[in-house]
Amino acid sequence: METAQRAVLFVDVTDSTRIYESLGDTVALAVINGLFGHLEKIVVKFSGSVVKTLGDGMVCVFENPDDGFRAACGMQASVSSLAQGASNRLQIKAGLTYGSVVLSKGDVFGDTMNVCARLVTLANPEQILTSGQTVEALSPGLRLRCRSLFPTRIKGKAEEVPVSDIGWRYDPAVTENNLTRAHLAQNTQMALKLIYRANIFVVNRTRPALQMGRDDSNDIVIVSLFASRLHARVQAREAHFVLTDLSTNGTFLLADEQSGEMHLRREEAVLSGRGWIGLGKSAVKHGDHSVRFALQPEIG
């Protein structure tokens, strides 16, 4: 057993259930293992090593956080290139953290690994999320490619963890766009529209938060026994809209652009695009427990 400073990179193949259903178990497993073999070459190129694979996930470690950063970006770029023109398009998402870990019997443990695993669940396809602590450990040039998003709660940690997005599509056009992002944000404000039983509720600058649940004191009163009295909260936070589960049975998040559903249990998730929120029950089948949401530019 050894304690050391390491960068941990957790990569996950998104929508693996669909891949197995469409290709069959044998072919799907071969495709995913073939992808992992390709990604492992990128890990080795940046002086890292693969600790383990977990079905549709891969855990890697690096001594230098910059190497982990470049490997993660290289993986996303490579998978994106391989997917062009492919009938069964593969996508990955990743989490990258740097800090103290415990290395034991070919595996990695500790808080750094736990945070990394949490970031993977929060990430969208083709996205790399990292922590504020990791951003601080990167070289100055790479720090410029990290965009602060939001703080999130992680089980076992008293304080929230700042989360940042890593820009892996690095080119002059993207750089110029990032430089003008703050100016554009001043002119384009987003609002979150929630629809429940034909009633419309809006979260924006003038109403930055609302609560949902079975109790009459909530902003959105959910007429379903699956919902807790105070079930969930939606709030605007640093130019994002965050869904927080406060319930007994959990909150389900189903985005239109994804076939997989996220199950939150006293956790948070950032809302994007359009989708459904299921209170206490899966949102796949819409009903009295489900709320429709959509992000849209705020008029006025």
C-alpha atoms as a PDB file:
ATOM      1  CA  MET A   1       0.000   0.000   0.000  1.00  0.00           C
ATOM      2  CA  GLU A   2       1.342   3.412  -1.028  1.00  0.00           C
ATOM      3  CA  THR A   3       0.092   6.981  -0.619  1.00  0.00           C
ATOM      4  CA  ALA A   4       1.025   9.354  -3.442  1.00  0.00           C
ATOM      5  CA  GLN A   5      -0.047  12.436  -5.412  1.00  0.00           C
ATOM      6  CA  ARG A   6      -1.672  11.337  -8.641  1.00  0.00           C
ATOM      7  CA  ALA A   7      -4.015  12.534 -11.354  1.00  0.00           C
ATOM      8  CA  VAL A   8      -6.963  10.177 -11.761  1.00  0.00           C
ATOM      9  CA  LEU A   9      -8.784  10.010 -15.105  1.00  0.00           C
ATOM     10  CA  PHE A  10     -12.099   8.141 -15.182  1.00  0.00           C
ATOM     11  CA  VAL A  11     -13.509   7.574 -18.678  1.00  0.00           C
ATOM     12  CA  ASP A  12     -16.995   6.185 -19.306  1.00  0.00           C
ATOM     13  CA  VAL A  13     -18.640   5.059 -22.549  1.00  0.00           C
ATOM     14  CA  THR A  14     -21.996   6.839 -22.708  1.00  0.00           C
ATOM     15  CA  ASP A  15     -25.268   5.136 -23.549  1.00  0.00           C
ATOM     16  CA  SER A  16     -23.717   1.668 -23.323  1.00  0.00           C
ATOM     17  CA  THR A  17     -27.146   0.082 -22.775  1.00  0.00           C
ATOM     18  CA  ARG A  18     -28.215   1.145 -26.269  1.00  0.00           C
ATOM     19  CA  ILE A  19     -24.973  -0.238 -27.718  1.00  0.00           C
ATOM     20  CA  TYR A  20     -25.521  -3.646 -26.130  1.00  0.00           C
ATOM     21  CA  GLU A  21     -29.165  -3.726 -27.214  1.00  0.00           C
ATOM     22  CA  SER A  22     -28.414  -2.781 -30.830  1.00  0.00           C
ATOM     23  CA  LEU A  23     -25.285  -4.919 -31.341  1.00  0.00           C
ATOM     24  CA  GLY A  24     -25.816  -7.799 -28.940  1.00  0.00           C
ATOM     25  CA  ASP A  25     -23.643  -8.620 -25.940  1.00  0.00           C
ATOM     26  CA  THR A  26     -20.741 -10.317 -27.746  1.00  0.00           C
ATOM     27  CA  VAL A  27     -20.274  -7.719 -30.485  1.00  0.00           C
ATOM     28  CA  ALA A  28     -20.850  -4.762 -28.123  1.00  0.00           C
ATOM     29  CA  LEU A  29     -18.264  -6.065 -25.657  1.00  0.00           C
ATOM     30  CA  ALA A  30     -15.748  -6.490 -28.480  1.00  0.00           C
ATOM     31  CA  VAL A  31     -16.424  -2.948 -29.740  1.00  0.00           C
ATOM     32  CA  ILE A  32     -16.012  -1.383 -26.284  1.00  0.00           C
ATOM     33  CA  ASN A  33     -12.886  -3.424 -25.514  1.00  0.00           C
ATOM     34  CA  GLY A  34     -11.468  -2.378 -28.882  1.00  0.00           C
ATOM     35  CA  LEU A  35     -12.122   1.249 -27.971  1.00  0.00           C
ATOM     36  CA  PHE A  36     -10.406   0.793 -24.610  1.00  0.00           C
ATOM     37  CA  GLY A  37      -7.386  -0.712 -26.368  1.00  0.00           C
ATOM     38  CA  HIS A  38      -7.211   2.401 -28.534  1.00  0.00           C
ATOM     39  CA  LEU A  39      -7.572   4.715 -25.520  1.00  0.00           C
ATOM     40  CA  GLU A  40      -4.888   2.848 -23.586  1.00  0.00           C
ATOM     41  CA  LYS A  41      -2.352   3.795 -26.260  1.00  0.00           C
ATOM     42  CA  ILE A  42      -3.172   7.459 -25.595  1.00  0.00           C
ATOM     43  CA  VAL A  43      -2.750   6.893 -21.840  1.00  0.00           C
ATOM     44  CA  VAL A  44       0.709   5.357 -22.397  1.00  0.00           C
ATOM     45  CA  LYS A  45       1.646   8.180 -24.782  1.00  0.00           C
ATOM     46  CA  PHE A  46       1.175  10.638 -21.914  1.00  0.00           C
ATOM     47  CA  SER A  47       3.108   8.559 -19.359  1.00  0.00           C
ATOM     48  CA  GLY A  48       0.044   7.145 -17.634  1.00  0.00           C
ATOM     49  CA  SER A  49      -1.204   3.670 -16.832  1.00  0.00           C
ATOM     50  CA  VAL A  50      -4.594   1.963 -16.885  1.00  0.00           C
ATOM     51  CA  VAL A  51      -5.525   0.808 -13.379  1.00  0.00           C
ATOM     52  CA  LYS A  52      -8.664  -1.093 -14.317  1.00  0.00           C
ATOM     53  CA  THR A  53     -11.654  -1.325 -16.630  1.00  0.00           C
ATOM     54  CA  LEU A  54     -15.189  -1.547 -15.249  1.00  0.00           C
ATOM     55  CA  GLY A  55     -17.504  -2.824 -17.977  1.00  0.00           C
ATOM     56  CA  ASP A  56     -17.999   0.439 -19.861  1.00  0.00           C
ATOM     57  CA  GLY A  57     -15.538   2.480 -17.766  1.00  0.00           C
ATOM     58  CA  MET A  58     -11.760   2.892 -17.554  1.00  0.00           C
ATOM     59  CA  VAL A  59      -9.689   4.263 -14.654  1.00  0.00           C
ATOM     60  CA  CYS A  60      -6.197   5.652 -15.355  1.00  0.00           C
ATOM     61  CA  VAL A  61      -3.532   7.371 -13.246  1.00  0.00           C
ATOM     62  CA  PHE A  62      -0.776   9.879 -14.054  1.00  0.00           C
ATOM     63  CA  GLU A  63       1.995  11.335 -11.919  1.00  0.00           C
ATOM     64  CA  ASN A  64       1.598  14.749 -13.541  1.00  0.00           C
ATOM     65  CA  PRO A  65      -1.833  16.461 -13.784  1.00  0.00           C
ATOM     66  CA  ASP A  66      -0.871  18.058 -17.123  1.00  0.00           C
ATOM     67  CA  ASP A  67      -0.357  14.567 -18.582  1.00  0.00           C
ATOM     68  CA  GLY A  68      -3.804  13.519 -17.369  1.00  0.00           C
ATOM     69  CA  PHE A  69      -5.304  16.672 -18.902  1.00  0.00           C
ATOM     70  CA  ARG A  70      -3.673  16.061 -22.289  1.00  0.00           C
ATOM     71  CA  ALA A  71      -4.628  12.382 -22.272  1.00  0.00           C
ATOM     72  CA  ALA A  72      -8.278  13.229 -21.562  1.00  0.00           C
ATOM     73  CA  CYS A  73      -8.343  15.769 -24.399  1.00  0.00           C
ATOM     74  CA  GLY A  74      -6.586  13.335 -26.722  1.00  0.00           C
ATOM     75  CA  MET A  75      -9.144  10.648 -25.929  1.00  0.00           C
ATOM     76  CA  GLN A  76     -12.110  12.900 -26.683  1.00  0.00           C
ATOM     77  CA  ALA A  77     -10.569  14.121 -29.940  1.00  0.00           C
ATOM     78  CA  SER A  78      -9.720  10.577 -31.019  1.00  0.00           C
ATOM     79  CA  VAL A  79     -13.163   9.132 -30.214  1.00  0.00           C
ATOM     80  CA  SER A  80     -14.834  12.061 -31.987  1.00  0.00           C
ATOM     81  CA  SER A  81     -12.723  11.375 -35.071  1.00  0.00           C
ATOM     82  CA  LEU A  82     -13.452   7.631 -35.007  1.00  0.00           C
ATOM     83  CA  ALA A  83     -17.193   8.314 -34.697  1.00  0.00           C
ATOM     84  CA  GLN A  84     -17.421  10.303 -37.926  1.00  0.00           C
ATOM     85  CA  GLY A  85     -19.379   8.253 -40.439  1.00  0.00           C
ATOM     86  CA  ALA A  86     -19.786   5.301 -38.063  1.00  0.00           C
ATOM     87  CA  SER A  87     -23.194   3.593 -37.939  1.00  0.00           C
ATOM     88  CA  ASN A  88     -22.856   2.883 -34.203  1.00  0.00           C
ATOM     89  CA  ARG A  89     -21.381   6.129 -32.937  1.00  0.00           C
ATOM     90  CA  LEU A  90     -19.471   5.833 -29.653  1.00  0.00           C
ATOM     91  CA  GLN A  91     -19.109   8.745 -27.241  1.00  0.00           C
ATOM     92  CA  ILE A  92     -17.255   9.077 -23.964  1.00  0.00           C
ATOM     93  CA  LYS A  93     -17.380  11.361 -20.951  1.00  0.00           C
ATOM     94  CA  ALA A  94     -14.643  11.835 -18.383  1.00  0.00           C
ATOM     95  CA  GLY A  95     -13.681  13.110 -14.956  1.00  0.00           C
ATOM     96  CA  LEU A  96     -10.191  14.288 -14.029  1.00  0.00           C
ATOM     97  CA  THR A  97      -8.925  14.928 -10.490  1.00  0.00           C
ATOM     98  CA  TYR A  98      -5.535  15.429  -8.857  1.00  0.00           C
ATOM     99  CA  GLY A  99      -4.606  14.847  -5.231  1.00  0.00           C
ATOM    100  CA  SER A 100      -3.630  12.264  -2.656  1.00  0.00           C
ATOM    101  CA  VAL A 101      -4.542   8.643  -3.461  1.00  0.00           C
ATOM    102  CA  VAL A 102      -3.895   5.228  -1.965  1.00  0.00           C
ATOM    103  CA  LEU A 103      -2.335   2.747  -4.392  1.00  0.00           C
ATOM    104  CA  SER A 104      -2.891  -0.843  -3.330  1.00  0.00           C
ATOM    105  CA  LYS A 105      -2.731  -4.143  -5.217  1.00  0.00           C
ATOM    106  CA  GLY A 106      -3.004  -2.499  -8.609  1.00  0.00           C
ATOM    107  CA  ASP A 107      -5.994  -0.355  -7.648  1.00  0.00           C
ATOM    108  CA  VAL A 108      -6.530   3.268  -6.588  1.00  0.00           C
ATOM    109  CA  PHE A 109      -8.575   4.491  -3.622  1.00  0.00           C
ATOM    110  CA  GLY A 110      -9.305   7.652  -1.647  1.00  0.00           C
ATOM    111  CA  ASP A 111     -11.069  10.986  -1.822  1.00  0.00           C
ATOM    112  CA  THR A 112      -9.466  11.946  -5.144  1.00  0.00           C
ATOM    113  CA  MET A 113     -10.865   8.806  -6.749  1.00  0.00           C
ATOM    114  CA  ASN A 114     -14.320   9.322  -5.191  1.00  0.00           C
ATOM    115  CA  VAL A 115     -14.568  12.891  -6.492  1.00  0.00           C
ATOM    116  CA  CYS A 116     -13.478  11.724  -9.941  1.00  0.00           C
ATOM    117  CA  ALA A 117     -16.193   9.050 -10.015  1.00  0.00           C
ATOM    118  CA  ARG A 118     -18.775  11.673  -9.053  1.00  0.00           C
ATOM    119  CA  LEU A 119     -17.653  14.028 -11.829  1.00  0.00           C
ATOM    120  CA  VAL A 120     -18.154  11.283 -14.414  1.00  0.00           C
ATOM    121  CA  THR A 121     -21.799  10.897 -13.389  1.00  0.00           C
ATOM    122  CA  LEU A 122     -22.299  14.667 -13.795  1.00  0.00           C
ATOM    123  CA  ALA A 123     -20.593  14.913 -17.193  1.00  0.00           C
ATOM    124  CA  ASN A 124     -22.455  14.973 -20.492  1.00  0.00           C
ATOM    125  CA  PRO A 125     -21.333  12.984 -23.557  1.00  0.00           C
ATOM    126  CA  GLU A 126     -18.147  14.452 -25.097  1.00  0.00           C
ATOM    127  CA  GLN A 127     -17.439  16.406 -21.905  1.00  0.00           C
ATOM    128  CA  ILE A 128     -14.523  16.396 -19.444  1.00  0.00           C
ATOM    129  CA  LEU A 129     -15.200  17.704 -15.937  1.00  0.00           C
ATOM    130  CA  THR A 130     -12.545  18.490 -13.361  1.00  0.00           C
ATOM    131  CA  SER A 131     -12.325  19.912  -9.838  1.00  0.00           C
ATOM    132  CA  GLY A 132     -11.136  23.315  -8.689  1.00  0.00           C
ATOM    133  CA  GLN A 133      -8.215  21.676  -6.865  1.00  0.00           C
ATOM    134  CA  THR A 134      -7.121  20.021 -10.111  1.00  0.00           C
ATOM    135  CA  VAL A 135      -7.350  23.269 -12.076  1.00  0.00           C
ATOM    136  CA  GLU A 136      -5.020  24.914  -9.542  1.00  0.00           C
ATOM    137  CA  ALA A 137      -2.474  22.110 -10.044  1.00  0.00           C
ATOM    138  CA  LEU A 138      -2.348  22.533 -13.835  1.00  0.00           C
ATOM    139  CA  SER A 139       0.219  24.622 -15.672  1.00  0.00           C
ATOM    140  CA  PRO A 140      -0.940  28.203 -16.473  1.00  0.00           C
ATOM    141  CA  GLY A 141      -1.566  27.523 -20.172  1.00  0.00           C
ATOM    142  CA  LEU A 142      -3.843  24.563 -19.472  1.00  0.00           C
ATOM    143  CA  ARG A 143      -5.731  26.447 -16.768  1.00  0.00           C
ATOM    144  CA  LEU A 144      -6.935  28.850 -19.468  1.00  0.00           C
ATOM    145  CA  ARG A 145      -8.755  25.951 -21.112  1.00  0.00           C
ATOM    146  CA  CYS A 146     -10.855  25.292 -17.990  1.00  0.00           C
ATOM    147  CA  ARG A 147     -14.218  27.015 -17.569  1.00  0.00           C
ATOM    148  CA  SER A 148     -15.710  27.276 -14.087  1.00  0.00           C
ATOM    149  CA  LEU A 149     -19.224  25.813 -13.909  1.00  0.00           C
ATOM    150  CA  PHE A 150     -20.690  25.251 -10.443  1.00  0.00           C
ATOM    151  CA  PRO A 151     -19.984  23.763  -7.014  1.00  0.00           C
ATOM    152  CA  THR A 152     -21.487  20.355  -6.263  1.00  0.00           C
ATOM    153  CA  ARG A 153     -22.089  18.252  -3.184  1.00  0.00           C
ATOM    154  CA  ILE A 154     -20.297  14.934  -2.886  1.00  0.00           C
ATOM    155  CA  LYS A 155     -21.130  12.275  -0.329  1.00  0.00           C
ATOM    156  CA  GLY A 156     -18.668  12.210   2.558  1.00  0.00           C
ATOM    157  CA  LYS A 157     -17.411  15.766   1.981  1.00  0.00           C
ATOM    158  CA  ALA A 158     -18.553  18.627   4.196  1.00  0.00           C
ATOM    159  CA  GLU A 159     -17.854  21.355   1.649  1.00  0.00           C
ATOM    160  CA  GLU A 160     -19.032  21.652  -1.943  1.00  0.00           C
ATOM    161  CA  VAL A 161     -16.520  20.878  -4.699  1.00  0.00           C
ATOM    162  CA  PRO A 162     -16.046  23.505  -7.453  1.00  0.00           C
ATOM    163  CA  VAL A 163     -16.506  21.953 -10.911  1.00  0.00           C
ATOM    164  CA  SER A 164     -14.947  23.114 -14.182  1.00  0.00           C
ATOM    165  CA  ASP A 165     -15.345  22.078 -17.811  1.00  0.00           C
ATOM    166  CA  ILE A 166     -12.212  21.291 -19.843  1.00  0.00           C
ATOM    167  CA  GLY A 167     -12.238  22.653 -23.401  1.00  0.00           C
ATOM    168  CA  TRP A 168     -10.709  19.843 -25.442  1.00  0.00           C
ATOM    169  CA  ARG A 169     -11.690  21.265 -28.837  1.00  0.00           C
ATOM    170  CA  TYR A 170      -8.785  23.700 -28.805  1.00  0.00           C
ATOM    171  CA  ASP A 171      -8.434  26.001 -31.822  1.00  0.00           C
ATOM    172  CA  PRO A 172      -8.188  29.783 -32.479  1.00  0.00           C
ATOM    173  CA  ALA A 173     -11.931  30.082 -33.135  1.00  0.00           C
ATOM    174  CA  VAL A 174     -12.729  28.519 -29.774  1.00  0.00           C
ATOM    175  CA  THR A 175     -10.176  30.745 -28.044  1.00  0.00           C
ATOM    176  CA  GLU A 176     -11.652  33.887 -29.571  1.00  0.00           C
ATOM    177  CA  ASN A 177     -15.135  32.746 -28.596  1.00  0.00           C
ATOM    178  CA  ASN A 178     -14.040  32.227 -24.976  1.00  0.00           C
ATOM    179  CA  LEU A 179     -12.600  35.722 -24.816  1.00  0.00           C
ATOM    180  CA  THR A 180     -15.962  37.231 -25.759  1.00  0.00           C
ATOM    181  CA  ARG A 181     -18.056  34.890 -23.573  1.00  0.00           C
ATOM    182  CA  ALA A 182     -18.380  37.381 -20.701  1.00  0.00           C
ATOM    183  CA  HIS A 183     -19.490  40.154 -23.066  1.00  0.00           C
ATOM    184  CA  LEU A 184     -22.116  37.916 -24.668  1.00  0.00           C
ATOM    185  CA  ALA A 185     -23.387  36.762 -21.278  1.00  0.00           C
ATOM    186  CA  GLN A 186     -24.220  40.335 -20.380  1.00  0.00           C
ATOM    187  CA  ASN A 187     -26.560  40.528 -23.379  1.00  0.00           C
ATOM    188  CA  THR A 188     -28.023  37.005 -23.383  1.00  0.00           C
ATOM    189  CA  GLN A 189     -29.661  35.802 -20.171  1.00  0.00           C
ATOM    190  CA  MET A 190     -31.156  32.338 -19.950  1.00  0.00           C
ATOM    191  CA  ALA A 191     -34.331  31.304 -18.171  1.00  0.00           C
ATOM    192  CA  LEU A 192     -35.579  27.886 -17.101  1.00  0.00           C
ATOM    193  CA  LYS A 193     -39.190  27.073 -17.952  1.00  0.00           C
ATOM    194  CA  LEU A 194     -40.929  24.323 -15.970  1.00  0.00           C
ATOM    195  CA  ILE A 195     -44.315  22.936 -17.027  1.00  0.00           C
ATOM    196  CA  TYR A 196     -46.519  20.882 -14.701  1.00  0.00           C
ATOM    197  CA  ARG A 197     -50.140  20.028 -15.451  1.00  0.00           C
ATOM    198  CA  ALA A 198     -50.345  22.818 -18.067  1.00  0.00           C
ATOM    199  CA  ASN A 199     -49.046  25.397 -15.555  1.00  0.00           C
ATOM    200  CA  ILE A 200     -45.850  27.242 -16.448  1.00  0.00           C
ATOM    201  CA  PHE A 201     -43.212  28.290 -13.882  1.00  0.00           C
ATOM    202  CA  VAL A 202     -40.049  30.256 -14.692  1.00  0.00           C
ATOM    203  CA  VAL A 203     -36.708  30.432 -12.889  1.00  0.00           C
ATOM    204  CA  ASN A 204     -34.714  33.533 -13.845  1.00  0.00           C
ATOM    205  CA  ARG A 205     -33.005  36.612 -12.414  1.00  0.00           C
ATOM    206  CA  THR A 206     -36.151  37.838 -10.672  1.00  0.00           C
ATOM    207  CA  ARG A 207     -37.112  34.406  -9.365  1.00  0.00           C
ATOM    208  CA  PRO A 208     -33.817  32.533  -8.861  1.00  0.00           C
ATOM    209  CA  ALA A 209     -35.207  29.423  -7.114  1.00  0.00           C
ATOM    210  CA  LEU A 210     -38.312  27.334  -6.577  1.00  0.00           C
ATOM    211  CA  GLN A 211     -39.234  24.172  -4.707  1.00  0.00           C
ATOM    212  CA  MET A 212     -41.242  21.132  -5.771  1.00  0.00           C
ATOM    213  CA  GLY A 213     -43.035  18.600  -3.611  1.00  0.00           C
ATOM    214  CA  ARG A 214     -46.298  17.191  -2.350  1.00  0.00           C
ATOM    215  CA  ASP A 215     -46.828  19.808   0.369  1.00  0.00           C
ATOM    216  CA  ASP A 216     -49.010  22.834  -0.444  1.00  0.00           C
ATOM    217  CA  SER A 217     -46.219  25.188   0.637  1.00  0.00           C
ATOM    218  CA  ASN A 218     -44.128  24.336  -2.455  1.00  0.00           C
ATOM    219  CA  ASP A 219     -43.968  26.555  -5.531  1.00  0.00           C
ATOM    220  CA  ILE A 220     -44.907  23.540  -7.668  1.00  0.00           C
ATOM    221  CA  VAL A 221     -47.272  21.226  -5.809  1.00  0.00           C
ATOM    222  CA  ILE A 222     -46.824  17.673  -7.117  1.00  0.00           C
ATOM    223  CA  VAL A 223     -50.017  15.609  -7.022  1.00  0.00           C
ATOM    224  CA  SER A 224     -48.355  12.215  -6.652  1.00  0.00           C
ATOM    225  CA  LEU A 225     -47.689   9.869  -3.736  1.00  0.00           C
ATOM    226  CA  PHE A 226     -44.267   9.108  -5.209  1.00  0.00           C
ATOM    227  CA  ALA A 227     -43.157  12.657  -4.327  1.00  0.00           C
ATOM    228  CA  SER A 228     -41.928  13.704  -0.890  1.00  0.00           C
ATOM    229  CA  ARG A 229     -43.488  16.667   0.905  1.00  0.00           C
ATOM    230  CA  LEU A 230     -40.377  18.712   0.050  1.00  0.00           C
ATOM    231  CA  HIS A 231     -38.883  16.804  -2.847  1.00  0.00           C
ATOM    232  CA  ALA A 232     -36.509  18.953  -4.923  1.00  0.00           C
ATOM    233  CA  ARG A 233     -35.230  22.452  -5.515  1.00  0.00           C
ATOM    234  CA  VAL A 234     -34.275  24.177  -8.767  1.00  0.00           C
ATOM    235  CA  GLN A 235     -32.103  27.281  -8.579  1.00  0.00           C
ATOM    236  CA  ALA A 236     -30.039  29.586 -10.757  1.00  0.00           C
ATOM    237  CA  ARG A 237     -26.378  29.410  -9.810  1.00  0.00           C
ATOM    238  CA  GLU A 238     -23.515  31.106 -11.669  1.00  0.00           C
ATOM    239  CA  ALA A 239     -25.251  31.168 -15.088  1.00  0.00           C
ATOM    240  CA  HIS A 240     -26.474  27.570 -14.686  1.00  0.00           C
ATOM    241  CA  PHE A 241     -29.662  25.936 -13.414  1.00  0.00           C
ATOM    242  CA  VAL A 242     -29.074  23.292 -10.753  1.00  0.00           C
ATOM    243  CA  LEU A 243     -31.522  20.575  -9.691  1.00  0.00           C
ATOM    244  CA  THR A 244     -31.087  19.381  -6.076  1.00  0.00           C
ATOM    245  CA  ASP A 245     -32.777  16.262  -4.711  1.00  0.00           C
ATOM    246  CA  LEU A 246     -34.116  16.595  -1.146  1.00  0.00           C
ATOM    247  CA  SER A 247     -36.330  13.512  -1.102  1.00  0.00           C
ATOM    248  CA  THR A 248     -36.673   9.964   0.182  1.00  0.00           C
ATOM    249  CA  ASN A 249     -37.108   8.175  -3.157  1.00  0.00           C
ATOM    250  CA  GLY A 250     -34.789  10.315  -5.230  1.00  0.00           C
ATOM    251  CA  THR A 251     -35.244  12.496  -8.308  1.00  0.00           C
ATOM    252  CA  PHE A 252     -34.884  11.276 -11.890  1.00  0.00           C
ATOM    253  CA  LEU A 253     -33.469  13.436 -14.681  1.00  0.00           C
ATOM    254  CA  LEU A 254     -34.050  12.556 -18.328  1.00  0.00           C
ATOM    255  CA  ALA A 255     -32.616  14.935 -20.944  1.00  0.00           C
ATOM    256  CA  ASP A 256     -34.058  14.833 -24.469  1.00  0.00           C
ATOM    257  CA  GLU A 257     -30.624  14.485 -26.060  1.00  0.00           C
ATOM    258  CA  GLN A 258     -29.726  11.446 -23.931  1.00  0.00           C
ATOM    259  CA  SER A 259     -31.346   8.016 -23.719  1.00  0.00           C
ATOM    260  CA  GLY A 260     -29.936   7.315 -20.251  1.00  0.00           C
ATOM    261  CA  GLU A 261     -31.630   8.587 -17.099  1.00  0.00           C
ATOM    262  CA  MET A 262     -29.820  10.018 -14.061  1.00  0.00           C
ATOM    263  CA  HIS A 263     -31.054   9.077 -10.581  1.00  0.00           C
ATOM    264  CA  LEU A 264     -30.216  11.683  -7.950  1.00  0.00           C
ATOM    265  CA  ARG A 265     -30.211  10.756  -4.264  1.00  0.00           C
ATOM    266  CA  ARG A 266     -29.512  13.842  -2.140  1.00  0.00           C
ATOM    267  CA  GLU A 267     -27.321  14.997  -5.026  1.00  0.00           C
ATOM    268  CA  GLU A 268     -27.248  17.754  -7.630  1.00  0.00           C
ATOM    269  CA  ALA A 269     -27.208  17.955 -11.418  1.00  0.00           C
ATOM    270  CA  VAL A 270     -26.977  20.791 -13.917  1.00  0.00           C
ATOM    271  CA  LEU A 271     -29.957  21.092 -16.273  1.00  0.00           C
ATOM    272  CA  SER A 272     -29.277  21.592 -19.970  1.00  0.00           C
ATOM    273  CA  GLY A 273     -31.440  21.730 -23.075  1.00  0.00           C
ATOM    274  CA  ARG A 274     -34.839  20.141 -22.574  1.00  0.00           C
ATOM    275  CA  GLY A 275     -36.102  17.130 -20.691  1.00  0.00           C
ATOM    276  CA  TRP A 276     -38.161  15.681 -17.865  1.00  0.00           C
ATOM    277  CA  ILE A 277     -37.791  15.604 -14.089  1.00  0.00           C
ATOM    278  CA  GLY A 278     -39.356  12.614 -12.324  1.00  0.00           C
ATOM    279  CA  LEU A 279     -40.127  13.062  -8.641  1.00  0.00           C
ATOM    280  CA  GLY A 280     -39.811   9.752  -6.802  1.00  0.00           C
ATOM    281  CA  LYS A 281     -40.240   7.676  -9.966  1.00  0.00           C
ATOM    282  CA  SER A 282     -38.634   7.308 -13.384  1.00  0.00           C
ATOM    283  CA  ALA A 283     -39.464  10.112 -15.815  1.00  0.00           C
ATOM    284  CA  VAL A 284     -39.433   7.783 -18.839  1.00  0.00           C
ATOM    285  CA  LYS A 285     -43.196   7.347 -18.555  1.00  0.00           C
ATOM    286  CA  HIS A 286     -44.618  10.809 -17.989  1.00  0.00           C
ATOM    287  CA  GLY A 287     -47.346  11.272 -15.388  1.00  0.00           C
ATOM    288  CA  ASP A 288     -48.392  13.334 -12.387  1.00  0.00           C
ATOM    289  CA  HIS A 289     -44.915  12.812 -10.891  1.00  0.00           C
ATOM    290  CA  SER A 290     -43.149  14.384 -13.916  1.00  0.00           C
ATOM    291  CA  VAL A 291     -42.223  17.988 -14.693  1.00  0.00           C
ATOM    292  CA  ARG A 292     -41.174  19.151 -18.155  1.00  0.00           C
ATOM    293  CA  PHE A 293     -38.252  21.594 -18.347  1.00  0.00           C
ATOM    294  CA  ALA A 294     -36.622  23.685 -21.066  1.00  0.00           C
ATOM    295  CA  LEU A 295     -33.826  26.272 -21.086  1.00  0.00           C
ATOM    296  CA  GLN A 296     -34.485  29.256 -23.299  1.00  0.00           C
ATOM    297  CA  PRO A 297     -33.250  32.819 -23.831  1.00  0.00           C
ATOM    298  CA  GLU A 298     -34.992  35.259 -21.547  1.00  0.00           C
ATOM    299  CA  ILE A 299     -36.990  37.908 -23.371  1.00  0.00           C
ATOM    300  CA  GLY A 300     -36.722  41.431 -22.043  1.00  0.00           C
END
